[in-house]
Amino acid sequence: MNWFSSIGILRYSEHYLVVDVDPGIVELARSLVPKAWYLNRQKYAPHISVVRHENPVVLKNWGKHEGREVEFKYSTYVYNDEVYYWLQVLSPTLNNIRIEFGLSKFSERSRPPDGHDCFHITIGNTKKV
């Protein structure tokens, strides 16, 4: 499997911490999926979910990294299940940020749908619209 490096920007909201990623990564991955026109685009801009609907233990660090550039590696292999298509993502920096909040390196909400110990970028889904 091939891995590429990229940089994204950390963004906070009330219940989320995400990394905004280059939309070109998603567009390239979508082009590699046979019959990609059957994939619905995601509701949100391309991102990596770092903290999603979790309660950080160390709240004083919430917002600390707003706007910070972070490096990550993403796979070129497109994974899928019955509904979602995604790329695996690795980032020691994101793991460390989760630990700063008193969270584990990964959670059910930050892992890909198949449960691997990594982050992910969703590239599409097959939900009925």
C-alpha atoms as a PDB file:
ATOM      1  CA  MET A   1       0.000   0.000   0.000  1.00  0.00           C
ATOM      2  CA  ASN A   2       1.258   3.469  -0.844  1.00  0.00           C
ATOM      3  CA  TRP A   3       1.185   6.294   1.685  1.00  0.00           C
ATOM      4  CA  PHE A   4       1.462  10.000   0.945  1.00  0.00           C
ATOM      5  CA  SER A   5       2.127  12.911   3.284  1.00  0.00           C
ATOM      6  CA  SER A   6      -0.016  16.003   3.465  1.00  0.00           C
ATOM      7  CA  ILE A   7      -0.742  18.895   5.781  1.00  0.00           C
ATOM      8  CA  GLY A   8      -4.122  20.021   7.088  1.00  0.00           C
ATOM      9  CA  ILE A   9      -5.459  22.719   9.403  1.00  0.00           C
ATOM     10  CA  LEU A  10      -6.976  21.996  12.829  1.00  0.00           C
ATOM     11  CA  ARG A  11     -10.435  23.507  13.356  1.00  0.00           C
ATOM     12  CA  TYR A  12     -12.598  23.408  16.487  1.00  0.00           C
ATOM     13  CA  SER A  13     -16.321  23.721  16.970  1.00  0.00           C
ATOM     14  CA  GLU A  14     -18.392  23.112  20.089  1.00  0.00           C
ATOM     15  CA  HIS A  15     -18.295  19.296  19.880  1.00  0.00           C
ATOM     16  CA  TYR A  16     -15.704  18.593  17.198  1.00  0.00           C
ATOM     17  CA  LEU A  17     -12.039  18.864  16.390  1.00  0.00           C
ATOM     18  CA  VAL A  18     -11.289  18.168  12.749  1.00  0.00           C
ATOM     19  CA  VAL A  19      -8.425  18.591  10.338  1.00  0.00           C
ATOM     20  CA  ASP A  20      -9.458  20.351   7.141  1.00  0.00           C
ATOM     21  CA  VAL A  21      -7.753  18.512   4.277  1.00  0.00           C
ATOM     22  CA  ASP A  22      -7.034  19.313   0.649  1.00  0.00           C
ATOM     23  CA  PRO A  23     -10.195  18.488  -1.358  1.00  0.00           C
ATOM     24  CA  GLY A  24      -7.917  17.208  -4.138  1.00  0.00           C
ATOM     25  CA  ILE A  25      -7.116  14.172  -1.987  1.00  0.00           C
ATOM     26  CA  VAL A  26     -10.787  13.189  -1.957  1.00  0.00           C
ATOM     27  CA  GLU A  27     -11.301  13.967  -5.635  1.00  0.00           C
ATOM     28  CA  LEU A  28      -8.337  11.792  -6.631  1.00  0.00           C
ATOM     29  CA  ALA A  29      -9.528   8.934  -4.407  1.00  0.00           C
ATOM     30  CA  ARG A  30     -13.064   9.174  -5.822  1.00  0.00           C
ATOM     31  CA  SER A  31     -11.651   8.928  -9.333  1.00  0.00           C
ATOM     32  CA  LEU A  32     -10.033   5.597  -8.392  1.00  0.00           C
ATOM     33  CA  VAL A  33     -13.358   4.030  -7.412  1.00  0.00           C
ATOM     34  CA  PRO A  34     -15.046   2.206 -10.304  1.00  0.00           C
ATOM     35  CA  LYS A  35     -18.379   3.842 -11.011  1.00  0.00           C
ATOM     36  CA  ALA A  36     -17.584   6.618  -8.503  1.00  0.00           C
ATOM     37  CA  TRP A  37     -20.545   8.586  -9.842  1.00  0.00           C
ATOM     38  CA  TYR A  38     -22.712   6.317  -7.637  1.00  0.00           C
ATOM     39  CA  LEU A  39     -21.006   7.696  -4.553  1.00  0.00           C
ATOM     40  CA  ASN A  40     -22.712  10.555  -2.776  1.00  0.00           C
ATOM     41  CA  ARG A  41     -20.415  13.353  -1.750  1.00  0.00           C
ATOM     42  CA  GLN A  42     -20.031  13.932   1.947  1.00  0.00           C
ATOM     43  CA  LYS A  43     -22.205  16.502   3.688  1.00  0.00           C
ATOM     44  CA  TYR A  44     -19.129  18.300   5.070  1.00  0.00           C
ATOM     45  CA  ALA A  45     -15.918  19.503   3.461  1.00  0.00           C
ATOM     46  CA  PRO A  46     -13.099  16.914   3.373  1.00  0.00           C
ATOM     47  CA  HIS A  47     -11.721  16.415   6.867  1.00  0.00           C
ATOM     48  CA  ILE A  48     -10.264  14.048   9.431  1.00  0.00           C
ATOM     49  CA  SER A  49     -12.332  13.724  12.609  1.00  0.00           C
ATOM     50  CA  VAL A  50     -10.009  13.941  15.610  1.00  0.00           C
ATOM     51  CA  VAL A  51     -12.591  14.452  18.391  1.00  0.00           C
ATOM     52  CA  ARG A  52     -16.266  13.894  17.634  1.00  0.00           C
ATOM     53  CA  HIS A  53     -19.054  13.761  20.228  1.00  0.00           C
ATOM     54  CA  GLU A  54     -16.612  12.943  23.019  1.00  0.00           C
ATOM     55  CA  ASN A  55     -16.045  14.656  26.344  1.00  0.00           C
ATOM     56  CA  PRO A  56     -12.391  15.592  26.759  1.00  0.00           C
ATOM     57  CA  VAL A  57     -11.123  15.010  30.284  1.00  0.00           C
ATOM     58  CA  VAL A  58      -8.673  17.939  30.097  1.00  0.00           C
ATOM     59  CA  LEU A  59     -10.927  20.797  28.959  1.00  0.00           C
ATOM     60  CA  LYS A  60      -8.301  23.524  29.419  1.00  0.00           C
ATOM     61  CA  ASN A  61      -6.617  22.304  26.202  1.00  0.00           C
ATOM     62  CA  TRP A  62      -9.776  22.657  24.065  1.00  0.00           C
ATOM     63  CA  GLY A  63      -9.049  25.254  21.393  1.00  0.00           C
ATOM     64  CA  LYS A  64      -5.312  25.236  22.076  1.00  0.00           C
ATOM     65  CA  HIS A  65      -4.329  24.158  18.547  1.00  0.00           C
ATOM     66  CA  GLU A  66      -6.864  26.161  16.497  1.00  0.00           C
ATOM     67  CA  GLY A  67      -5.458  26.911  13.042  1.00  0.00           C
ATOM     68  CA  ARG A  68      -2.342  24.773  13.565  1.00  0.00           C
ATOM     69  CA  GLU A  69      -0.965  22.937  10.570  1.00  0.00           C
ATOM     70  CA  VAL A  70      -0.555  19.214  11.174  1.00  0.00           C
ATOM     71  CA  GLU A  71       1.103  16.571   9.062  1.00  0.00           C
ATOM     72  CA  PHE A  72      -0.593  13.289   8.332  1.00  0.00           C
ATOM     73  CA  LYS A  73      -0.106  10.325   6.019  1.00  0.00           C
ATOM     74  CA  TYR A  74      -2.957   8.853   4.019  1.00  0.00           C
ATOM     75  CA  SER A  75      -3.252   5.583   2.145  1.00  0.00           C
ATOM     76  CA  THR A  76      -4.009   5.447  -1.542  1.00  0.00           C
ATOM     77  CA  TYR A  77      -6.095   2.317  -1.080  1.00  0.00           C
ATOM     78  CA  VAL A  78      -9.827   3.063  -0.962  1.00  0.00           C
ATOM     79  CA  TYR A  79     -11.560   1.029   1.751  1.00  0.00           C
ATOM     80  CA  ASN A  80     -15.304   0.484   1.855  1.00  0.00           C
ATOM     81  CA  ASP A  81     -18.151  -1.257   3.599  1.00  0.00           C
ATOM     82  CA  GLU A  82     -21.809  -1.413   2.608  1.00  0.00           C
ATOM     83  CA  VAL A  83     -22.269   2.363   2.970  1.00  0.00           C
ATOM     84  CA  TYR A  84     -18.991   4.292   3.283  1.00  0.00           C
ATOM     85  CA  TYR A  85     -15.771   4.702   1.279  1.00  0.00           C
ATOM     86  CA  TRP A  86     -12.654   6.080   2.999  1.00  0.00           C
ATOM     87  CA  LEU A  87      -8.881   6.425   3.134  1.00  0.00           C
ATOM     88  CA  GLN A  88      -6.873   5.400   6.187  1.00  0.00           C
ATOM     89  CA  VAL A  89      -4.907   8.185   7.904  1.00  0.00           C
ATOM     90  CA  LEU A  90      -1.964   8.025  10.314  1.00  0.00           C
ATOM     91  CA  SER A  91      -0.730  10.931  12.430  1.00  0.00           C
ATOM     92  CA  PRO A  92       1.297  10.740  15.643  1.00  0.00           C
ATOM     93  CA  THR A  93       0.544  14.459  16.116  1.00  0.00           C
ATOM     94  CA  LEU A  94      -3.216  13.827  16.147  1.00  0.00           C
ATOM     95  CA  ASN A  95      -2.724  10.908  18.549  1.00  0.00           C
ATOM     96  CA  ASN A  96      -0.784  13.215  20.881  1.00  0.00           C
ATOM     97  CA  ILE A  97      -3.453  15.919  20.710  1.00  0.00           C
ATOM     98  CA  ARG A  98      -6.113  13.372  21.721  1.00  0.00           C
ATOM     99  CA  ILE A  99      -3.889  12.309  24.629  1.00  0.00           C
ATOM    100  CA  GLU A 100      -3.558  16.012  25.681  1.00  0.00           C
ATOM    101  CA  PHE A 101      -7.354  15.999  26.096  1.00  0.00           C
ATOM    102  CA  GLY A 102      -7.155  12.906  28.299  1.00  0.00           C
ATOM    103  CA  LEU A 103      -8.586  10.713  25.535  1.00  0.00           C
ATOM    104  CA  SER A 104      -7.249   7.476  24.057  1.00  0.00           C
ATOM    105  CA  LYS A 105      -5.322   7.639  20.763  1.00  0.00           C
ATOM    106  CA  PHE A 106      -8.434   6.524  18.870  1.00  0.00           C
ATOM    107  CA  SER A 107     -12.145   6.181  19.529  1.00  0.00           C
ATOM    108  CA  GLU A 108     -15.098   4.606  17.786  1.00  0.00           C
ATOM    109  CA  ARG A 109     -15.880   8.068  16.429  1.00  0.00           C
ATOM    110  CA  SER A 110     -12.401   8.784  15.042  1.00  0.00           C
ATOM    111  CA  ARG A 111     -11.656   5.305  13.649  1.00  0.00           C
ATOM    112  CA  PRO A 112     -12.830   4.304  10.181  1.00  0.00           C
ATOM    113  CA  PRO A 113     -16.004   2.201   9.887  1.00  0.00           C
ATOM    114  CA  ASP A 114     -13.975  -1.046   9.880  1.00  0.00           C
ATOM    115  CA  GLY A 115     -12.539  -0.205  13.322  1.00  0.00           C
ATOM    116  CA  HIS A 116      -8.828  -0.107  12.444  1.00  0.00           C
ATOM    117  CA  ASP A 117      -6.547   1.843  14.796  1.00  0.00           C
ATOM    118  CA  CYS A 118      -6.139   4.885  12.586  1.00  0.00           C
ATOM    119  CA  PHE A 119      -8.005   8.005  11.532  1.00  0.00           C
ATOM    120  CA  HIS A 120      -9.803   8.301   8.194  1.00  0.00           C
ATOM    121  CA  ILE A 121     -11.010  10.607   5.440  1.00  0.00           C
ATOM    122  CA  THR A 122     -14.445   9.685   4.140  1.00  0.00           C
ATOM    123  CA  ILE A 123     -14.622  10.097   0.355  1.00  0.00           C
ATOM    124  CA  GLY A 124     -18.254   9.188  -0.193  1.00  0.00           C
ATOM    125  CA  ASN A 125     -21.221   7.020   0.700  1.00  0.00           C
ATOM    126  CA  THR A 126     -23.998   5.068  -0.946  1.00  0.00           C
ATOM    127  CA  LYS A 127     -26.843   6.296   1.295  1.00  0.00           C
ATOM    128  CA  LYS A 128     -30.192   6.767  -0.395  1.00  0.00           C
ATOM    129  CA  VAL A 129     -30.796  10.469  -0.817  1.00  0.00           C
END
